[in-house]
């Protein structure tokens, strides 16, 4: 029998759309956020998908200095959904990739 967290695994390769952003959570944890473009072919046409990616912890600080627009990365992690209520009271949600390991590459 599988555990729930074993079923939530992502591995993806792509390039940063723009420079990463370093922030600190309300709990004081460093957070590196960036957006990854993944290109793939579907029905003979090149498509591009955009994914929000976050890395938590002390390694996020040093990583953010190296993650600039165009940088190639291969990521392993999990999907996580955020939900919140906007100013008009509408429930909003988004899914992001939370990084467990990352490798940088150049082409």
Foldseek 3Di string as FASTA:
>chain_A
DDDPVVVFKDKAKFWFQFQWDWDADPVGKIKIKTKGWGWDDDPRDIDIDIAIEMEIHPVSVVVSVVRGGGWIKIFMFGKDKDWDADPVRDIDMDIHGYGPDMDTDDD
